[in-house]
N, C-alpha and C. Protein backbone atom coordinates (compact mmCIF):
# COMPACT_ATOMS: atom_id res chain seq x y z
N PRO A 1 -18.58 17.16 33.09
CA PRO A 1 -18.25 16.06 32.04
C PRO A 1 -19.02 14.58 32.84
N SER A 2 -20.18 13.96 32.28
CA SER A 2 -20.87 12.48 32.90
C SER A 2 -21.32 11.97 31.88
N ILE A 3 -20.97 10.55 31.46
CA ILE A 3 -21.53 9.67 30.99
C ILE A 3 -22.95 9.84 30.93
N GLY A 4 -23.94 10.23 32.12
CA GLY A 4 -25.37 10.14 32.31
C GLY A 4 -25.33 11.25 32.31
N GLY A 5 -24.75 12.46 32.19
CA GLY A 5 -24.81 13.98 31.80
C GLY A 5 -26.33 14.15 30.74
N PRO A 6 -26.89 15.44 30.73
CA PRO A 6 -27.72 15.93 29.94
C PRO A 6 -27.30 15.63 28.23
N ARG A 7 -28.26 15.70 27.63
CA ARG A 7 -27.29 15.54 26.04
C ARG A 7 -27.80 16.60 25.27
N THR A 8 -27.28 16.87 23.95
CA THR A 8 -27.31 18.19 23.70
C THR A 8 -28.54 17.17 22.32
N ARG A 9 -28.65 18.90 21.28
CA ARG A 9 -29.47 18.04 20.12
C ARG A 9 -28.17 18.07 19.19
N HIS A 10 -27.65 17.75 19.16
CA HIS A 10 -26.22 17.73 18.24
C HIS A 10 -25.58 16.65 18.11
N MET A 11 -25.39 16.02 16.99
CA MET A 11 -24.95 14.56 16.87
C MET A 11 -23.81 13.89 16.14
N LEU A 12 -22.78 13.09 16.62
CA LEU A 12 -21.58 13.11 16.06
C LEU A 12 -21.71 11.80 14.83
N HIS A 13 -21.40 11.15 14.07
CA HIS A 13 -21.25 10.04 13.35
C HIS A 13 -20.36 9.12 12.84
N PRO A 14 -20.01 7.77 12.87
CA PRO A 14 -19.06 7.59 12.38
C PRO A 14 -18.49 8.11 10.92
N GLY A 15 -17.35 8.29 11.34
CA GLY A 15 -16.24 9.14 10.63
C GLY A 15 -16.15 10.29 10.61
N ASP A 16 -16.83 11.36 11.10
CA ASP A 16 -16.74 12.55 11.61
C ASP A 16 -15.77 12.34 11.90
N VAL A 17 -14.62 14.22 11.30
CA VAL A 17 -13.77 14.33 12.87
C VAL A 17 -13.79 15.70 13.23
N PHE A 18 -13.65 15.97 14.72
CA PHE A 18 -13.87 17.46 15.32
C PHE A 18 -12.64 17.91 16.12
N ARG A 19 -12.64 18.96 16.02
CA ARG A 19 -11.43 19.01 17.17
C ARG A 19 -12.03 19.71 18.76
N THR A 20 -10.59 19.57 19.33
CA THR A 20 -11.38 19.26 21.20
C THR A 20 -10.41 20.46 21.25
N SER A 21 -11.01 21.53 22.38
CA SER A 21 -10.31 22.21 23.26
C SER A 21 -10.40 21.93 24.91
N VAL A 22 -10.35 20.50 25.14
CA VAL A 22 -10.24 20.54 26.54
C VAL A 22 -10.16 18.91 26.80
N GLU A 23 -9.42 18.40 27.20
CA GLU A 23 -9.60 16.57 27.46
C GLU A 23 -9.66 16.47 29.38
N ALA A 24 -10.25 15.89 29.71
CA ALA A 24 -10.47 16.06 30.99
C ALA A 24 -10.94 14.22 31.48
N LYS A 25 -9.85 13.72 32.08
CA LYS A 25 -10.23 12.50 32.64
C LYS A 25 -10.95 12.57 33.89
N GLY A 26 -12.27 11.82 33.84
CA GLY A 26 -13.11 11.85 34.86
C GLY A 26 -12.77 10.79 35.75
N GLN A 27 -13.47 10.38 37.11
CA GLN A 27 -12.93 9.78 38.08
C GLN A 27 -13.36 8.26 37.62
N ASP A 28 -14.35 8.18 37.09
CA ASP A 28 -14.99 7.01 36.21
C ASP A 28 -14.18 6.63 35.27
N GLY A 29 -12.82 7.28 35.09
CA GLY A 29 -11.67 6.17 34.34
C GLY A 29 -11.93 6.99 32.69
N VAL A 30 -13.19 7.76 32.65
CA VAL A 30 -13.31 7.85 30.76
C VAL A 30 -12.59 9.36 30.58
N LEU A 31 -12.40 9.16 29.38
CA LEU A 31 -11.35 10.55 28.90
C LEU A 31 -12.60 11.57 28.49
N TYR A 32 -13.19 12.56 28.82
CA TYR A 32 -14.05 13.26 28.02
C TYR A 32 -13.78 14.51 27.35
N LEU A 33 -14.09 14.91 26.03
CA LEU A 33 -13.37 15.57 25.45
C LEU A 33 -14.46 17.23 25.07
N LYS A 34 -14.17 17.73 25.37
CA LYS A 34 -14.48 19.17 24.62
C LYS A 34 -14.81 19.70 23.76
N LEU A 35 -15.76 19.76 22.61
CA LEU A 35 -15.60 20.24 21.58
C LEU A 35 -15.16 21.35 20.54
N ALA A 36 -14.06 21.63 20.20
CA ALA A 36 -13.81 23.02 20.20
C ALA A 36 -14.81 24.52 19.68
N ASP A 37 -15.97 23.69 18.83
CA ASP A 37 -16.90 24.34 18.16
C ASP A 37 -18.39 24.86 19.74
N GLY A 38 -17.43 24.31 20.73
CA GLY A 38 -18.86 24.76 21.23
C GLY A 38 -19.90 24.16 21.76
N ARG A 39 -20.44 22.56 20.63
CA ARG A 39 -21.51 21.72 20.55
C ARG A 39 -21.69 21.09 21.92
N GLY A 40 -20.36 20.89 23.10
CA GLY A 40 -20.65 20.08 23.83
C GLY A 40 -19.52 19.26 24.39
N TRP A 41 -20.01 17.67 25.16
CA TRP A 41 -18.93 17.05 24.97
C TRP A 41 -18.63 15.82 24.69
N VAL A 42 -17.87 15.03 24.09
CA VAL A 42 -18.09 13.73 23.41
C VAL A 42 -17.02 12.92 24.63
N PHE A 43 -17.32 11.44 24.99
CA PHE A 43 -16.27 10.62 25.31
C PHE A 43 -15.63 9.77 24.45
N GLN A 44 -14.54 9.49 24.84
CA GLN A 44 -13.22 9.04 24.17
C GLN A 44 -13.75 7.36 24.19
N LYS A 45 -14.60 6.69 25.44
CA LYS A 45 -14.94 5.75 25.18
C LYS A 45 -16.14 4.93 26.30
N LYS A 46 -16.65 4.28 26.41
CA LYS A 46 -17.80 4.08 27.13
C LYS A 46 -17.57 2.58 27.62
N PRO A 47 -17.93 2.68 28.82
CA PRO A 47 -17.60 0.96 29.66
C PRO A 47 -18.73 0.44 29.05
N ALA A 48 -18.50 -0.90 29.07
CA ALA A 48 -19.17 -2.07 28.18
C ALA A 48 -19.90 -1.95 26.88
N VAL A 49 -19.27 -0.51 26.35
CA VAL A 49 -19.53 -0.41 24.65
C VAL A 49 -18.21 -0.39 23.96
N GLY A 50 -17.04 0.28 24.26
CA GLY A 50 -15.76 0.26 23.66
C GLY A 50 -15.24 1.37 23.77
N VAL A 51 -14.47 1.71 22.61
CA VAL A 51 -14.42 3.28 21.82
C VAL A 51 -15.18 3.84 21.18
N LEU A 52 -15.05 5.24 20.95
CA LEU A 52 -16.52 5.71 20.69
C LEU A 52 -15.54 6.81 19.47
N CYS A 53 -14.28 6.97 19.57
CA CYS A 53 -13.86 7.81 18.77
C CYS A 53 -11.89 7.54 19.19
N TYR A 54 -10.87 8.23 18.67
CA TYR A 54 -9.21 7.92 18.31
C TYR A 54 -9.30 9.44 17.62
N ARG A 55 -8.04 9.38 17.75
CA ARG A 55 -7.07 10.46 17.46
C ARG A 55 -7.26 10.15 16.25
N HIS A 56 -7.55 11.48 15.06
CA HIS A 56 -7.42 10.90 13.66
C HIS A 56 -5.74 10.39 13.17
N GLN A 57 -4.54 11.44 13.60
CA GLN A 57 -3.55 11.18 12.87
C GLN A 57 -2.79 10.59 13.68
N GLU A 58 -3.11 9.91 14.54
CA GLU A 58 -1.88 8.79 15.44
C GLU A 58 -2.21 7.27 14.44
N ASP A 59 -2.80 7.04 14.12
CA ASP A 59 -2.90 6.23 13.19
C ASP A 59 -2.97 5.82 11.86
N ALA A 60 -1.83 6.64 11.32
CA ALA A 60 -1.35 6.93 9.72
C ALA A 60 0.17 6.37 9.99
N PRO A 61 1.02 6.46 8.66
CA PRO A 61 2.12 5.90 8.73
C PRO A 61 3.20 6.86 9.35
N GLY A 62 4.40 6.31 10.10
CA GLY A 62 5.18 7.23 10.74
C GLY A 62 6.26 6.31 11.46
N THR A 63 6.45 6.52 12.17
CA THR A 63 7.46 5.76 13.36
C THR A 63 6.73 5.57 14.76
N TYR A 64 6.54 4.48 14.94
CA TYR A 64 5.74 3.56 16.05
C TYR A 64 6.69 2.68 17.42
N ILE A 65 6.13 2.94 18.41
CA ILE A 65 6.87 2.39 19.43
C ILE A 65 5.85 1.13 19.78
N VAL A 66 6.38 -0.01 20.26
CA VAL A 66 5.74 -0.91 20.30
C VAL A 66 5.53 -0.87 22.20
N THR A 67 3.96 -1.30 22.56
CA THR A 67 3.65 -1.05 23.73
C THR A 67 3.34 -2.13 24.46
N HIS A 68 3.39 -3.09 23.56
CA HIS A 68 3.13 -4.40 23.74
C HIS A 68 4.00 -5.53 23.66
N ASP A 69 4.53 -6.01 24.92
CA ASP A 69 5.67 -7.25 24.30
C ASP A 69 5.11 -8.55 23.67
N MET A 70 5.93 -8.91 22.50
CA MET A 70 5.54 -9.95 21.98
C MET A 70 4.68 -9.57 21.24
N ALA A 71 4.13 -8.89 20.18
CA ALA A 71 3.50 -8.20 19.20
C ALA A 71 3.31 -9.04 17.90
N ALA A 72 2.47 -9.48 17.80
CA ALA A 72 2.64 -10.79 16.47
C ALA A 72 3.09 -10.05 14.86
N VAL A 73 3.56 -10.47 14.11
CA VAL A 73 3.82 -9.92 13.10
C VAL A 73 3.15 -10.81 12.39
N THR A 74 2.62 -10.63 11.14
CA THR A 74 1.78 -11.70 9.96
C THR A 74 2.19 -11.17 8.93
N SER A 75 1.77 -12.20 7.50
CA SER A 75 2.11 -11.76 6.32
C SER A 75 1.09 -11.04 5.92
N THR A 76 0.32 -11.17 6.16
CA THR A 76 -1.18 -10.50 5.68
C THR A 76 -1.95 -9.55 6.35
N VAL A 77 -2.76 -8.63 5.56
CA VAL A 77 -3.30 -7.72 6.56
C VAL A 77 -4.35 -8.48 7.18
N ALA A 78 -4.60 -9.33 7.43
CA ALA A 78 -5.98 -9.81 7.81
C ALA A 78 -5.13 -11.01 9.17
N LEU A 79 -5.88 -10.52 10.34
CA LEU A 79 -5.99 -11.52 11.35
C LEU A 79 -5.44 -13.11 11.38
N GLY A 80 -4.71 -13.28 11.96
CA GLY A 80 -4.21 -14.54 11.70
C GLY A 80 -4.61 -15.37 13.07
N ARG A 81 -4.20 -16.94 12.90
CA ARG A 81 -4.25 -17.69 14.25
C ARG A 81 -2.55 -17.75 14.18
N ASP A 82 -2.01 -18.66 15.41
CA ASP A 82 -0.82 -18.60 16.08
C ASP A 82 0.06 -19.39 14.99
N GLU A 83 -0.72 -20.23 13.56
CA GLU A 83 0.42 -20.68 13.02
C GLU A 83 0.88 -19.12 12.02
N ASP A 84 0.04 -18.53 11.76
CA ASP A 84 0.43 -17.40 11.04
C ASP A 84 1.14 -15.86 11.36
N VAL A 85 1.85 -16.77 12.17
CA VAL A 85 2.13 -15.49 12.92
C VAL A 85 4.00 -15.87 12.08
N ILE A 86 4.71 -14.75 11.52
CA ILE A 86 5.76 -14.94 11.17
C ILE A 86 6.92 -14.27 11.73
N GLY A 87 6.40 -13.64 12.83
CA GLY A 87 7.52 -12.82 13.80
C GLY A 87 6.62 -11.92 15.28
N ARG A 88 7.40 -11.62 15.83
CA ARG A 88 7.41 -10.92 17.10
C ARG A 88 8.20 -9.89 17.21
N VAL A 89 7.58 -8.62 17.53
CA VAL A 89 8.45 -7.26 18.36
C VAL A 89 7.83 -7.19 19.35
N GLY A 90 9.19 -6.64 20.27
CA GLY A 90 9.06 -6.77 21.68
C GLY A 90 8.84 -5.29 21.99
N PHE A 91 8.38 -5.02 23.23
CA PHE A 91 7.97 -3.74 23.76
C PHE A 91 9.18 -2.67 23.91
N GLY A 92 8.81 -1.91 23.37
CA GLY A 92 10.03 -0.54 23.44
C GLY A 92 10.92 -0.56 21.88
N ASP A 93 10.27 -1.90 21.01
CA ASP A 93 11.06 -1.73 19.68
C ASP A 93 10.52 -0.38 18.80
N VAL A 94 11.54 0.20 18.39
CA VAL A 94 10.81 1.25 17.37
C VAL A 94 10.82 0.83 15.56
N LEU A 95 9.36 0.75 15.08
CA LEU A 95 9.05 0.78 14.02
C LEU A 95 8.40 1.52 12.73
N LYS A 96 8.78 1.68 11.79
CA LYS A 96 8.23 2.06 10.10
C LYS A 96 7.06 1.80 9.74
N VAL A 97 6.06 2.26 9.90
CA VAL A 97 4.86 2.13 9.67
C VAL A 97 4.58 2.64 8.26
N VAL A 98 4.74 1.75 7.71
CA VAL A 98 4.37 2.55 5.90
C VAL A 98 2.79 2.67 5.32
N GLU A 99 1.77 2.00 5.46
CA GLU A 99 0.74 1.46 5.20
C GLU A 99 0.05 1.71 6.40
N THR A 100 -1.42 2.29 6.84
CA THR A 100 -2.40 1.13 7.79
C THR A 100 -3.84 1.07 7.27
N VAL A 101 -4.20 0.64 7.52
CA VAL A 101 -5.78 -0.34 6.79
C VAL A 101 -6.54 -0.33 8.48
N PHE A 102 -8.23 -0.31 8.24
CA PHE A 102 -8.93 -0.45 9.13
C PHE A 102 -9.38 -2.01 8.45
N SER A 103 -9.23 -2.77 9.40
CA SER A 103 -9.48 -4.65 9.28
C SER A 103 -10.17 -4.80 10.30
N GLU A 104 -11.69 -5.85 10.24
CA GLU A 104 -11.64 -6.81 11.52
C GLU A 104 -11.47 -5.63 12.75
N GLU A 105 -12.47 -4.42 13.08
CA GLU A 105 -12.20 -3.88 14.00
C GLU A 105 -10.76 -3.26 14.59
N ARG A 106 -9.68 -3.68 13.57
CA ARG A 106 -8.40 -3.07 14.42
C ARG A 106 -8.09 -2.46 13.45
N ILE A 107 -6.46 -1.00 13.44
CA ILE A 107 -5.99 -0.71 12.74
C ILE A 107 -4.87 -1.82 12.50
N ARG A 108 -3.94 -1.98 11.44
CA ARG A 108 -3.78 -3.14 11.27
C ARG A 108 -2.05 -2.14 10.47
N GLY A 109 -1.10 -1.92 10.79
CA GLY A 109 0.02 -1.12 10.35
C GLY A 109 1.35 -2.33 9.22
N ARG A 110 1.18 -2.12 8.17
CA ARG A 110 2.28 -2.69 7.47
C ARG A 110 3.97 -2.18 7.84
N ILE A 111 4.70 -2.99 8.40
CA ILE A 111 5.92 -2.53 8.54
C ILE A 111 7.21 -3.10 7.79
N LEU A 112 8.14 -2.75 8.10
CA LEU A 112 9.38 -3.20 6.90
C LEU A 112 10.00 -3.97 7.34
N ARG A 113 10.50 -3.85 9.36
CA ARG A 113 11.68 -4.60 9.95
C ARG A 113 11.10 -5.13 10.91
N PRO A 114 10.66 -6.21 10.98
CA PRO A 114 10.43 -7.53 10.33
C PRO A 114 9.47 -7.27 9.40
N GLU A 115 9.56 -7.81 8.04
CA GLU A 115 8.18 -6.85 6.81
C GLU A 115 7.35 -8.14 6.99
N GLY A 116 5.49 -7.28 7.68
CA GLY A 116 4.71 -7.69 7.64
C GLY A 116 3.82 -6.94 8.42
N TRP A 117 2.89 -6.86 8.47
CA TRP A 117 1.67 -6.67 9.74
C TRP A 117 1.47 -6.63 10.90
N ILE A 118 1.17 -5.53 11.75
CA ILE A 118 0.75 -5.91 13.06
C ILE A 118 -0.36 -5.04 13.25
N SER A 119 -1.08 -5.42 14.56
CA SER A 119 -2.58 -4.46 14.91
C SER A 119 -1.21 -3.40 15.80
N LEU A 120 -2.00 -2.20 15.40
CA LEU A 120 -1.70 -0.81 15.99
C LEU A 120 -2.81 -0.66 17.33
N VAL A 121 -3.91 -0.89 16.67
CA VAL A 121 -5.11 -0.82 17.72
C VAL A 121 -6.63 -1.43 17.68
N ASN A 122 -7.19 -1.46 18.49
CA ASN A 122 -7.72 -2.93 18.35
C ASN A 122 -9.23 -1.69 19.00
N MET A 123 -9.94 -1.22 17.83
CA MET A 123 -10.64 -0.04 18.05
C MET A 123 -12.09 -0.42 18.62
N GLU A 124 -12.61 -1.67 18.93
CA GLU A 124 -13.65 -1.99 20.04
C GLU A 124 -13.25 -2.11 22.14
N THR A 125 -12.08 -2.03 21.90
CA THR A 125 -11.67 -2.20 23.20
C THR A 125 -10.95 -1.07 23.37
N GLY A 126 -9.74 -0.41 22.61
CA GLY A 126 -9.39 0.61 22.84
C GLY A 126 -7.65 -0.10 22.89
N LYS A 127 -7.64 -1.23 23.19
CA LYS A 127 -6.12 -1.94 23.15
C LYS A 127 -5.33 -1.66 22.10
N ARG A 128 -4.17 -1.21 22.62
CA ARG A 128 -2.94 -0.99 21.53
C ARG A 128 -1.65 -1.46 21.80
N TRP A 129 -1.32 -2.05 20.53
CA TRP A 129 -0.21 -2.57 20.45
C TRP A 129 1.41 -1.98 20.41
N ALA A 130 1.04 -0.39 19.48
CA ALA A 130 1.87 0.35 19.44
C ALA A 130 1.82 1.83 19.13
N ALA A 131 1.89 2.77 19.79
CA ALA A 131 1.87 4.25 19.92
C ALA A 131 3.28 4.69 18.79
N LYS A 132 2.20 5.72 17.79
CA LYS A 132 2.93 6.85 17.24
C LYS A 132 4.07 7.88 17.73
N ARG A 133 4.76 7.62 17.18
CA ARG A 133 6.36 8.43 18.20
C ARG A 133 5.81 10.08 18.09
N ARG A 134 5.53 10.87 19.12
CA ARG A 134 5.81 12.40 18.72
C ARG A 134 6.85 12.92 17.90
N SER A 135 7.38 13.53 17.01
CA SER A 135 8.07 14.37 16.94
C SER A 135 8.36 15.54 17.38
């Protein structure tokens, strides 16, 4: 697969859910996903564009591990300024996310300890602050 490769007549739209049968990391660093129904390949993100799709179940309530040191915790779901930060969580901390919402190009998670909201992932860039722990 290649970002510049031939296109099919099939299209995916925002919010579409699909299954994959193969994941392949290209030499260009892009993660290529083969659609399980045989329609072709898609890519997870495009350079200079950002993230195009993500694993649906990854950013649902559950147990998360912080992957970014000193991730900010705010009191509201809205992204805040430095003065809105009420706490921080460190790399490797385990958090219980009880609610997730899409806000300002990010998926935000409400946590219980410390009580507040953190960014889980930036949907434009793919930057991740916490990843769901596999059971």
